Amino acid sequence: MRIVSHRKLKEFYEGAGHEDARVALERWYGVAENAQWKNFSDIRVDFPATDYVGNQHYVFNIRSNRYRLVVVVKFTIGYLFIRFVGTHQEYDKIDCSTI
């Protein structure tokens, strides 16, 4: 998958208090970048705890659900757009299907 943009992940884990997310986010990035997902079932093979929340938005649990990652996946063109990365508490304050 082509991921737009890695910078969002890096800015998050380089921020104060989120350093512990680095390994997990980079692992997620590596798996997703090398994946050739064609549908939601393909995502769940690599990340079983992923949820589909509508409108092409998918939520990944990072570091045992301490952090959440919301992405838009365009399967037909092989693109993945990072829309949100944050703590579980920050995630609870957004509408993840429209972000």
PDB file of N, CA and C in Angstrom:
ATOM      1  N   MET A   1       0.850  -1.183   0.000  1.00  0.00           N
ATOM      2  CA  MET A   1       0.000   0.000   0.000  1.00  0.00           C
ATOM      3  C   MET A   1       0.888   1.237   0.000  1.00  0.00           C
ATOM      4  N   ARG A   2       0.407   2.240  -0.642  1.00  0.00           N
ATOM      5  CA  ARG A   2       1.101   3.528  -0.618  1.00  0.00           C
ATOM      6  C   ARG A   2       0.485   4.347   0.514  1.00  0.00           C
ATOM      7  N   ILE A   3       1.306   4.793   1.462  1.00  0.00           N
ATOM      8  CA  ILE A   3       0.804   5.448   2.665  1.00  0.00           C
ATOM      9  C   ILE A   3       1.081   6.953   2.627  1.00  0.00           C
ATOM     10  N   VAL A   4       0.026   7.725   2.866  1.00  0.00           N
ATOM     11  CA  VAL A   4       0.107   9.181   2.924  1.00  0.00           C
ATOM     12  C   VAL A   4      -0.369   9.583   4.319  1.00  0.00           C
ATOM     13  N   SER A   5       0.389  10.059   5.216  1.00  0.00           N
ATOM     14  CA  SER A   5       1.793  10.340   5.148  1.00  0.00           C
ATOM     15  C   SER A   5       2.484   9.826   6.416  1.00  0.00           C
ATOM     16  N   HIS A   6       3.683   9.361   6.249  1.00  0.00           N
ATOM     17  CA  HIS A   6       4.481   8.833   7.361  1.00  0.00           C
ATOM     18  C   HIS A   6       4.792   9.933   8.375  1.00  0.00           C
ATOM     19  N   ARG A   7       4.876  11.144   7.904  1.00  0.00           N
ATOM     20  CA  ARG A   7       5.202  12.291   8.753  1.00  0.00           C
ATOM     21  C   ARG A   7       4.254  12.417   9.944  1.00  0.00           C
ATOM     22  N   LYS A   8       2.958  12.142   9.743  1.00  0.00           N
ATOM     23  CA  LYS A   8       2.000  12.237  10.849  1.00  0.00           C
ATOM     24  C   LYS A   8       2.351  11.276  11.977  1.00  0.00           C
ATOM     25  N   LEU A   9       2.759  10.084  11.615  1.00  0.00           N
ATOM     26  CA  LEU A   9       3.148   9.108  12.641  1.00  0.00           C
ATOM     27  C   LEU A   9       4.380   9.586  13.387  1.00  0.00           C
ATOM     28  N   LYS A  10       5.360  10.052  12.624  1.00  0.00           N
ATOM     29  CA  LYS A  10       6.615  10.495  13.214  1.00  0.00           C
ATOM     30  C   LYS A  10       6.398  11.692  14.143  1.00  0.00           C
ATOM     31  N   GLU A  11       5.606  12.636  13.716  1.00  0.00           N
ATOM     32  CA  GLU A  11       5.314  13.804  14.558  1.00  0.00           C
ATOM     33  C   GLU A  11       4.637  13.379  15.853  1.00  0.00           C
ATOM     34  N   PHE A  12       3.784  12.380  15.773  1.00  0.00           N
ATOM     35  CA  PHE A  12       3.090  11.916  16.963  1.00  0.00           C
ATOM     36  C   PHE A  12       4.054  11.273  17.953  1.00  0.00           C
ATOM     37  N   TYR A  13       4.831  10.284  17.497  1.00  0.00           N
ATOM     38  CA  TYR A  13       5.679   9.588  18.470  1.00  0.00           C
ATOM     39  C   TYR A  13       6.907  10.392  18.888  1.00  0.00           C
ATOM     40  N   GLU A  14       7.230  11.448  18.183  1.00  0.00           N
ATOM     41  CA  GLU A  14       8.309  12.326  18.628  1.00  0.00           C
ATOM     42  C   GLU A  14       7.801  13.386  19.600  1.00  0.00           C
ATOM     43  N   GLY A  15       6.492  13.474  19.749  1.00  0.00           N
ATOM     44  CA  GLY A  15       5.895  14.423  20.675  1.00  0.00           C
ATOM     45  C   GLY A  15       6.053  13.968  22.116  1.00  0.00           C
ATOM     46  N   ALA A  16       6.036  14.917  23.005  1.00  0.00           N
ATOM     47  CA  ALA A  16       6.220  14.622  24.427  1.00  0.00           C
ATOM     48  C   ALA A  16       5.143  13.667  24.933  1.00  0.00           C
ATOM     49  N   GLY A  17       5.581  12.621  25.587  1.00  0.00           N
ATOM     50  CA  GLY A  17       4.663  11.667  26.187  1.00  0.00           C
ATOM     51  C   GLY A  17       4.209  10.536  25.294  1.00  0.00           C
ATOM     52  N   HIS A  18       4.620  10.537  24.033  1.00  0.00           N
ATOM     53  CA  HIS A  18       4.182   9.491  23.108  1.00  0.00           C
ATOM     54  C   HIS A  18       5.345   8.663  22.564  1.00  0.00           C
ATOM     55  N   GLU A  19       6.505   8.804  23.162  1.00  0.00           N
ATOM     56  CA  GLU A  19       7.693   8.091  22.679  1.00  0.00           C
ATOM     57  C   GLU A  19       7.499   6.579  22.664  1.00  0.00           C
ATOM     58  N   ASP A  20       6.669   6.080  23.571  1.00  0.00           N
ATOM     59  CA  ASP A  20       6.442   4.633  23.654  1.00  0.00           C
ATOM     60  C   ASP A  20       5.646   4.084  22.471  1.00  0.00           C
ATOM     61  N   ALA A  21       5.106   4.949  21.633  1.00  0.00           N
ATOM     62  CA  ALA A  21       4.345   4.514  20.463  1.00  0.00           C
ATOM     63  C   ALA A  21       5.231   4.258  19.248  1.00  0.00           C
ATOM     64  N   ARG A  22       6.493   4.672  19.309  1.00  0.00           N
ATOM     65  CA  ARG A  22       7.358   4.606  18.134  1.00  0.00           C
ATOM     66  C   ARG A  22       7.486   3.202  17.539  1.00  0.00           C
ATOM     67  N   VAL A  23       7.856   2.247  18.336  1.00  0.00           N
ATOM     68  CA  VAL A  23       8.077   0.891  17.822  1.00  0.00           C
ATOM     69  C   VAL A  23       6.796   0.327  17.210  1.00  0.00           C
ATOM     70  N   ALA A  24       5.685   0.481  17.913  1.00  0.00           N
ATOM     71  CA  ALA A  24       4.416  -0.058  17.423  1.00  0.00           C
ATOM     72  C   ALA A  24       3.964   0.630  16.132  1.00  0.00           C
ATOM     73  N   LEU A  25       4.102   1.948  16.053  1.00  0.00           N
ATOM     74  CA  LEU A  25       3.688   2.666  14.846  1.00  0.00           C
ATOM     75  C   LEU A  25       4.593   2.348  13.659  1.00  0.00           C
ATOM     76  N   GLU A  26       5.874   2.223  13.902  1.00  0.00           N
ATOM     77  CA  GLU A  26       6.790   1.874  12.807  1.00  0.00           C
ATOM     78  C   GLU A  26       6.566   0.439  12.344  1.00  0.00           C
ATOM     79  N   ARG A  27       6.226  -0.444  13.271  1.00  0.00           N
ATOM     80  CA  ARG A  27       5.897  -1.816  12.884  1.00  0.00           C
ATOM     81  C   ARG A  27       4.637  -1.812  12.018  1.00  0.00           C
ATOM     82  N   TRP A  28       3.611  -1.078  12.459  1.00  0.00           N
ATOM     83  CA  TRP A  28       2.380  -0.978  11.678  1.00  0.00           C
ATOM     84  C   TRP A  28       2.688  -0.438  10.286  1.00  0.00           C
ATOM     85  N   TYR A  29       3.500   0.620  10.227  1.00  0.00           N
ATOM     86  CA  TYR A  29       3.849   1.236   8.950  1.00  0.00           C
ATOM     87  C   TYR A  29       4.538   0.235   8.023  1.00  0.00           C
ATOM     88  N   GLY A  30       5.495  -0.507   8.554  1.00  0.00           N
ATOM     89  CA  GLY A  30       6.216  -1.486   7.746  1.00  0.00           C
ATOM     90  C   GLY A  30       5.306  -2.565   7.180  1.00  0.00           C
ATOM     91  N   VAL A  31       4.412  -3.066   8.012  1.00  0.00           N
ATOM     92  CA  VAL A  31       3.473  -4.098   7.552  1.00  0.00           C
ATOM     93  C   VAL A  31       2.533  -3.526   6.507  1.00  0.00           C
ATOM     94  N   ALA A  32       1.956  -2.362   6.780  1.00  0.00           N
ATOM     95  CA  ALA A  32       0.997  -1.751   5.855  1.00  0.00           C
ATOM     96  C   ALA A  32       1.643  -1.368   4.526  1.00  0.00           C
ATOM     97  N   GLU A  33       2.850  -0.861   4.581  1.00  0.00           N
ATOM     98  CA  GLU A  33       3.545  -0.443   3.362  1.00  0.00           C
ATOM     99  C   GLU A  33       3.818  -1.630   2.433  1.00  0.00           C
ATOM    100  N   ASN A  34       4.108  -2.771   3.013  1.00  0.00           N
ATOM    101  CA  ASN A  34       4.407  -3.962   2.212  1.00  0.00           C
ATOM    102  C   ASN A  34       3.172  -4.779   1.866  1.00  0.00           C
ATOM    103  N   ALA A  35       2.025  -4.401   2.406  1.00  0.00           N
ATOM    104  CA  ALA A  35       0.787  -5.150   2.169  1.00  0.00           C
ATOM    105  C   ALA A  35       0.207  -4.843   0.791  1.00  0.00           C
ATOM    106  N   GLN A  36      -0.605  -5.772   0.342  1.00  0.00           N
ATOM    107  CA  GLN A  36      -1.358  -5.574  -0.895  1.00  0.00           C
ATOM    108  C   GLN A  36      -2.825  -5.866  -0.600  1.00  0.00           C
ATOM    109  N   TRP A  37      -3.359  -5.110   0.349  1.00  0.00           N
ATOM    110  CA  TRP A  37      -4.732  -5.330   0.780  1.00  0.00           C
ATOM    111  C   TRP A  37      -5.716  -5.015  -0.331  1.00  0.00           C
ATOM    112  N   LYS A  38      -6.667  -5.916  -0.508  1.00  0.00           N
ATOM    113  CA  LYS A  38      -7.716  -5.726  -1.515  1.00  0.00           C
ATOM    114  C   LYS A  38      -9.090  -5.526  -0.868  1.00  0.00           C
ATOM    115  N   ASN A  39      -9.177  -5.843   0.435  1.00  0.00           N
ATOM    116  CA  ASN A  39     -10.446  -5.705   1.151  1.00  0.00           C
ATOM    117  C   ASN A  39     -10.183  -5.751   2.656  1.00  0.00           C
ATOM    118  N   PHE A  40     -11.245  -5.575   3.427  1.00  0.00           N
ATOM    119  CA  PHE A  40     -11.139  -5.543   4.881  1.00  0.00           C
ATOM    120  C   PHE A  40     -10.606  -6.869   5.441  1.00  0.00           C
ATOM    121  N   SER A  41     -10.994  -7.966   4.842  1.00  0.00           N
ATOM    122  CA  SER A  41     -10.505  -9.275   5.302  1.00  0.00           C
ATOM    123  C   SER A  41      -8.990  -9.373   5.206  1.00  0.00           C
ATOM    124  N   ASP A  42      -8.416  -8.788   4.180  1.00  0.00           N
ATOM    125  CA  ASP A  42      -6.958  -8.783   4.034  1.00  0.00           C
ATOM    126  C   ASP A  42      -6.303  -7.997   5.175  1.00  0.00           C
ATOM    127  N   ILE A  43      -6.895  -6.882   5.555  1.00  0.00           N
ATOM    128  CA  ILE A  43      -6.357  -6.088   6.662  1.00  0.00           C
ATOM    129  C   ILE A  43      -6.376  -6.913   7.941  1.00  0.00           C
ATOM    130  N   ARG A  44      -7.470  -7.613   8.176  1.00  0.00           N
ATOM    131  CA  ARG A  44      -7.627  -8.380   9.415  1.00  0.00           C
ATOM    132  C   ARG A  44      -6.667  -9.560   9.503  1.00  0.00           C
ATOM    133  N   VAL A  45      -6.138 -10.015   8.395  1.00  0.00           N
ATOM    134  CA  VAL A  45      -5.111 -11.064   8.450  1.00  0.00           C
ATOM    135  C   VAL A  45      -3.877 -10.516   9.157  1.00  0.00           C
ATOM    136  N   ASP A  46      -3.494  -9.289   8.830  1.00  0.00           N
ATOM    137  CA  ASP A  46      -2.320  -8.657   9.441  1.00  0.00           C
ATOM    138  C   ASP A  46      -2.632  -8.013  10.789  1.00  0.00           C
ATOM    139  N   PHE A  47      -3.818  -7.454  10.923  1.00  0.00           N
ATOM    140  CA  PHE A  47      -4.203  -6.740  12.144  1.00  0.00           C
ATOM    141  C   PHE A  47      -5.621  -7.161  12.545  1.00  0.00           C
ATOM    142  N   PRO A  48      -5.742  -8.264  13.273  1.00  0.00           N
ATOM    143  CA  PRO A  48      -7.062  -8.818  13.604  1.00  0.00           C
ATOM    144  C   PRO A  48      -7.985  -7.889  14.397  1.00  0.00           C
ATOM    145  N   ALA A  49      -7.447  -6.953  15.142  1.00  0.00           N
ATOM    146  CA  ALA A  49      -8.278  -6.083  15.977  1.00  0.00           C
ATOM    147  C   ALA A  49      -8.751  -4.822  15.253  1.00  0.00           C
ATOM    148  N   THR A  50      -8.545  -4.747  13.960  1.00  0.00           N
ATOM    149  CA  THR A  50      -8.955  -3.574  13.184  1.00  0.00           C
ATOM    150  C   THR A  50     -10.475  -3.509  13.075  1.00  0.00           C
ATOM    151  N   ASP A  51     -11.011  -2.298  13.130  1.00  0.00           N
ATOM    152  CA  ASP A  51     -12.453  -2.090  12.979  1.00  0.00           C
ATOM    153  C   ASP A  51     -12.736  -1.215  11.767  1.00  0.00           C
ATOM    154  N   TYR A  52     -13.813  -1.551  11.047  1.00  0.00           N
ATOM    155  CA  TYR A  52     -14.307  -0.707   9.975  1.00  0.00           C
ATOM    156  C   TYR A  52     -15.397   0.168  10.571  1.00  0.00           C
ATOM    157  N   VAL A  53     -15.283   1.490  10.412  1.00  0.00           N
ATOM    158  CA  VAL A  53     -16.235   2.413  11.026  1.00  0.00           C
ATOM    159  C   VAL A  53     -17.067   3.168   9.995  1.00  0.00           C
ATOM    160  N   GLY A  54     -17.002   2.749   8.751  1.00  0.00           N
ATOM    161  CA  GLY A  54     -17.794   3.378   7.702  1.00  0.00           C
ATOM    162  C   GLY A  54     -17.016   4.398   6.908  1.00  0.00           C
ATOM    163  N   ASN A  55     -17.519   4.696   5.717  1.00  0.00           N
ATOM    164  CA  ASN A  55     -16.951   5.749   4.876  1.00  0.00           C
ATOM    165  C   ASN A  55     -15.472   5.504   4.548  1.00  0.00           C
ATOM    166  N   GLN A  56     -15.101   4.246   4.350  1.00  0.00           N
ATOM    167  CA  GLN A  56     -13.738   3.820   4.012  1.00  0.00           C
ATOM    168  C   GLN A  56     -12.728   4.084   5.128  1.00  0.00           C
ATOM    169  N   HIS A  57     -13.208   4.302   6.353  1.00  0.00           N
ATOM    170  CA  HIS A  57     -12.353   4.574   7.504  1.00  0.00           C
ATOM    171  C   HIS A  57     -12.159   3.300   8.330  1.00  0.00           C
ATOM    172  N   TYR A  58     -10.912   3.068   8.724  1.00  0.00           N
ATOM    173  CA  TYR A  58     -10.554   1.895   9.518  1.00  0.00           C
ATOM    174  C   TYR A  58      -9.771   2.342  10.742  1.00  0.00           C
ATOM    175  N   VAL A  59     -10.011   1.670  11.860  1.00  0.00           N
ATOM    176  CA  VAL A  59      -9.367   2.023  13.125  1.00  0.00           C
ATOM    177  C   VAL A  59      -8.468   0.874  13.562  1.00  0.00           C
ATOM    178  N   PHE A  60      -7.208   1.212  13.825  1.00  0.00           N
ATOM    179  CA  PHE A  60      -6.223   0.247  14.297  1.00  0.00           C
ATOM    180  C   PHE A  60      -5.892   0.538  15.753  1.00  0.00           C
ATOM    181  N   ASN A  61      -5.829  -0.502  16.551  1.00  0.00           N
ATOM    182  CA  ASN A  61      -5.383  -0.378  17.938  1.00  0.00           C
ATOM    183  C   ASN A  61      -3.865  -0.468  17.947  1.00  0.00           C
ATOM    184  N   ILE A  62      -3.234   0.496  18.570  1.00  0.00           N
ATOM    185  CA  ILE A  62      -1.774   0.553  18.637  1.00  0.00           C
ATOM    186  C   ILE A  62      -1.350   0.426  20.095  1.00  0.00           C
ATOM    187  N   ARG A  63      -0.356  -0.386  20.327  1.00  0.00           N
ATOM    188  CA  ARG A  63       0.173  -0.626  21.674  1.00  0.00           C
ATOM    189  C   ARG A  63      -0.910  -1.067  22.637  1.00  0.00           C
ATOM    190  N   SER A  64      -1.523  -2.182  22.292  1.00  0.00           N
ATOM    191  CA  SER A  64      -2.561  -2.784  23.152  1.00  0.00           C
ATOM    192  C   SER A  64      -3.687  -1.803  23.473  1.00  0.00           C
ATOM    193  N   ASN A  65      -4.098  -1.068  22.467  1.00  0.00           N
ATOM    194  CA  ASN A  65      -5.234  -0.157  22.554  1.00  0.00           C
ATOM    195  C   ASN A  65      -4.942   1.126  23.334  1.00  0.00           C
ATOM    196  N   ARG A  66      -3.678   1.388  23.621  1.00  0.00           N
ATOM    197  CA  ARG A  66      -3.333   2.650  24.277  1.00  0.00           C
ATOM    198  C   ARG A  66      -3.490   3.818  23.299  1.00  0.00           C
ATOM    199  N   TYR A  67      -3.177   3.550  22.036  1.00  0.00           N
ATOM    200  CA  TYR A  67      -3.289   4.563  20.986  1.00  0.00           C
ATOM    201  C   TYR A  67      -4.219   4.043  19.901  1.00  0.00           C
ATOM    202  N   ARG A  68      -4.762   4.977  19.140  1.00  0.00           N
ATOM    203  CA  ARG A  68      -5.631   4.636  18.012  1.00  0.00           C
ATOM    204  C   ARG A  68      -5.117   5.325  16.762  1.00  0.00           C
ATOM    205  N   LEU A  69      -5.255   4.613  15.665  1.00  0.00           N
ATOM    206  CA  LEU A  69      -4.846   5.112  14.363  1.00  0.00           C
ATOM    207  C   LEU A  69      -6.044   4.972  13.429  1.00  0.00           C
ATOM    208  N   VAL A  70      -6.469   6.075  12.833  1.00  0.00           N
ATOM    209  CA  VAL A  70      -7.596   6.065  11.900  1.00  0.00           C
ATOM    210  C   VAL A  70      -7.048   6.350  10.509  1.00  0.00           C
ATOM    211  N   VAL A  71      -7.397   5.482   9.572  1.00  0.00           N
ATOM    212  CA  VAL A  71      -6.931   5.644   8.197  1.00  0.00           C
ATOM    213  C   VAL A  71      -8.099   5.496   7.229  1.00  0.00           C
ATOM    214  N   VAL A  72      -7.941   6.091   6.071  1.00  0.00           N
ATOM    215  CA  VAL A  72      -8.855   5.874   4.958  1.00  0.00           C
ATOM    216  C   VAL A  72      -8.117   4.979   3.983  1.00  0.00           C
ATOM    217  N   VAL A  73      -8.758   3.887   3.573  1.00  0.00           N
ATOM    218  CA  VAL A  73      -8.132   2.954   2.642  1.00  0.00           C
ATOM    219  C   VAL A  73      -8.884   2.995   1.318  1.00  0.00           C
ATOM    220  N   LYS A  74      -8.140   3.264   0.259  1.00  0.00           N
ATOM    221  CA  LYS A  74      -8.671   3.231  -1.110  1.00  0.00           C
ATOM    222  C   LYS A  74      -8.113   1.961  -1.765  1.00  0.00           C
ATOM    223  N   PHE A  75      -8.839   0.867  -1.607  1.00  0.00           N
ATOM    224  CA  PHE A  75      -8.352  -0.423  -2.074  1.00  0.00           C
ATOM    225  C   PHE A  75      -8.086  -0.446  -3.576  1.00  0.00           C
ATOM    226  N   THR A  76      -8.950   0.199  -4.362  1.00  0.00           N
ATOM    227  CA  THR A  76      -8.829   0.114  -5.818  1.00  0.00           C
ATOM    228  C   THR A  76      -7.546   0.731  -6.350  1.00  0.00           C
ATOM    229  N   ILE A  77      -7.022   1.740  -5.650  1.00  0.00           N
ATOM    230  CA  ILE A  77      -5.788   2.372  -6.116  1.00  0.00           C
ATOM    231  C   ILE A  77      -4.589   2.054  -5.222  1.00  0.00           C
ATOM    232  N   GLY A  78      -4.827   1.316  -4.138  1.00  0.00           N
ATOM    233  CA  GLY A  78      -3.729   0.895  -3.266  1.00  0.00           C
ATOM    234  C   GLY A  78      -3.161   2.003  -2.390  1.00  0.00           C
ATOM    235  N   TYR A  79      -4.003   2.955  -2.016  1.00  0.00           N
ATOM    236  CA  TYR A  79      -3.559   4.068  -1.178  1.00  0.00           C
ATOM    237  C   TYR A  79      -4.202   3.985   0.204  1.00  0.00           C
ATOM    238  N   LEU A  80      -3.439   4.459   1.178  1.00  0.00           N
ATOM    239  CA  LEU A  80      -3.897   4.508   2.563  1.00  0.00           C
ATOM    240  C   LEU A  80      -3.560   5.901   3.087  1.00  0.00           C
ATOM    241  N   PHE A  81      -4.565   6.605   3.592  1.00  0.00           N
ATOM    242  CA  PHE A  81      -4.385   7.972   4.072  1.00  0.00           C
ATOM    243  C   PHE A  81      -4.526   8.003   5.591  1.00  0.00           C
ATOM    244  N   ILE A  82      -3.495   8.445   6.280  1.00  0.00           N
ATOM    245  CA  ILE A  82      -3.537   8.550   7.728  1.00  0.00           C
ATOM    246  C   ILE A  82      -4.341   9.797   8.086  1.00  0.00           C
ATOM    247  N   ARG A  83      -5.432   9.597   8.829  1.00  0.00           N
ATOM    248  CA  ARG A  83      -6.321  10.710   9.170  1.00  0.00           C
ATOM    249  C   ARG A  83      -6.174  11.159  10.621  1.00  0.00           C
ATOM    250  N   PHE A  84      -5.807  10.212  11.517  1.00  0.00           N
ATOM    251  CA  PHE A  84      -5.714  10.543  12.933  1.00  0.00           C
ATOM    252  C   PHE A  84      -4.803   9.539  13.622  1.00  0.00           C
ATOM    253  N   VAL A  85      -3.973  10.034  14.505  1.00  0.00           N
ATOM    254  CA  VAL A  85      -3.225   9.185  15.428  1.00  0.00           C
ATOM    255  C   VAL A  85      -3.241   9.897  16.768  1.00  0.00           C
ATOM    256  N   GLY A  86      -3.629   9.170  17.797  1.00  0.00           N
ATOM    257  CA  GLY A  86      -3.729   9.796  19.108  1.00  0.00           C
ATOM    258  C   GLY A  86      -3.994   8.786  20.201  1.00  0.00           C
ATOM    259  N   THR A  87      -4.144   9.295  21.388  1.00  0.00           N
ATOM    260  CA  THR A  87      -4.431   8.422  22.522  1.00  0.00           C
ATOM    261  C   THR A  87      -5.876   7.933  22.428  1.00  0.00           C
ATOM    262  N   HIS A  88      -6.169   6.921  23.188  1.00  0.00           N
ATOM    263  CA  HIS A  88      -7.529   6.397  23.215  1.00  0.00           C
ATOM    264  C   HIS A  88      -8.493   7.477  23.692  1.00  0.00           C
ATOM    265  N   GLN A  89      -8.071   8.293  24.649  1.00  0.00           N
ATOM    266  CA  GLN A  89      -8.922   9.366  25.156  1.00  0.00           C
ATOM    267  C   GLN A  89      -9.190  10.424  24.088  1.00  0.00           C
ATOM    268  N   GLU A  90      -8.187  10.774  23.295  1.00  0.00           N
ATOM    269  CA  GLU A  90      -8.374  11.740  22.207  1.00  0.00           C
ATOM    270  C   GLU A  90      -9.294  11.163  21.130  1.00  0.00           C
ATOM    271  N   TYR A  91      -9.145   9.882  20.874  1.00  0.00           N
ATOM    272  CA  TYR A  91      -9.972   9.192  19.889  1.00  0.00           C
ATOM    273  C   TYR A  91     -11.453   9.253  20.280  1.00  0.00           C
ATOM    274  N   ASP A  92     -11.737   9.123  21.565  1.00  0.00           N
ATOM    275  CA  ASP A  92     -13.114   9.151  22.042  1.00  0.00           C
ATOM    276  C   ASP A  92     -13.814  10.481  21.768  1.00  0.00           C
ATOM    277  N   LYS A  93     -13.053  11.533  21.469  1.00  0.00           N
ATOM    278  CA  LYS A  93     -13.614  12.861  21.256  1.00  0.00           C
ATOM    279  C   LYS A  93     -13.866  13.190  19.779  1.00  0.00           C
ATOM    280  N   ILE A  94     -13.514  12.279  18.883  1.00  0.00           N
ATOM    281  CA  ILE A  94     -13.684  12.552  17.446  1.00  0.00           C
ATOM    282  C   ILE A  94     -14.754  11.654  16.836  1.00  0.00           C
ATOM    283  N   ASP A  95     -15.220  12.050  15.673  1.00  0.00           N
ATOM    284  CA  ASP A  95     -16.095  11.178  14.871  1.00  0.00           C
ATOM    285  C   ASP A  95     -15.174  10.523  13.848  1.00  0.00           C
ATOM    286  N   CYS A  96     -14.765   9.312  14.136  1.00  0.00           N
ATOM    287  CA  CYS A  96     -13.726   8.681  13.317  1.00  0.00           C
ATOM    288  C   CYS A  96     -14.191   8.309  11.915  1.00  0.00           C
ATOM    289  N   SER A  97     -15.472   8.309  11.647  1.00  0.00           N
ATOM    290  CA  SER A  97     -15.931   7.976  10.301  1.00  0.00           C
ATOM    291  C   SER A  97     -15.918   9.165   9.355  1.00  0.00           C
ATOM    292  N   THR A  98     -15.690  10.360   9.899  1.00  0.00           N
ATOM    293  CA  THR A  98     -15.678  11.546   9.040  1.00  0.00           C
ATOM    294  C   THR A  98     -14.400  12.356   9.125  1.00  0.00           C
ATOM    295  N   ILE A  99     -13.516  12.003  10.018  1.00  0.00           N
ATOM    296  CA  ILE A  99     -12.297  12.787  10.223  1.00  0.00           C
ATOM    297  C   ILE A  99     -11.411  12.761   8.978  1.00  0.00           C
TER     298      ILE A  99
END
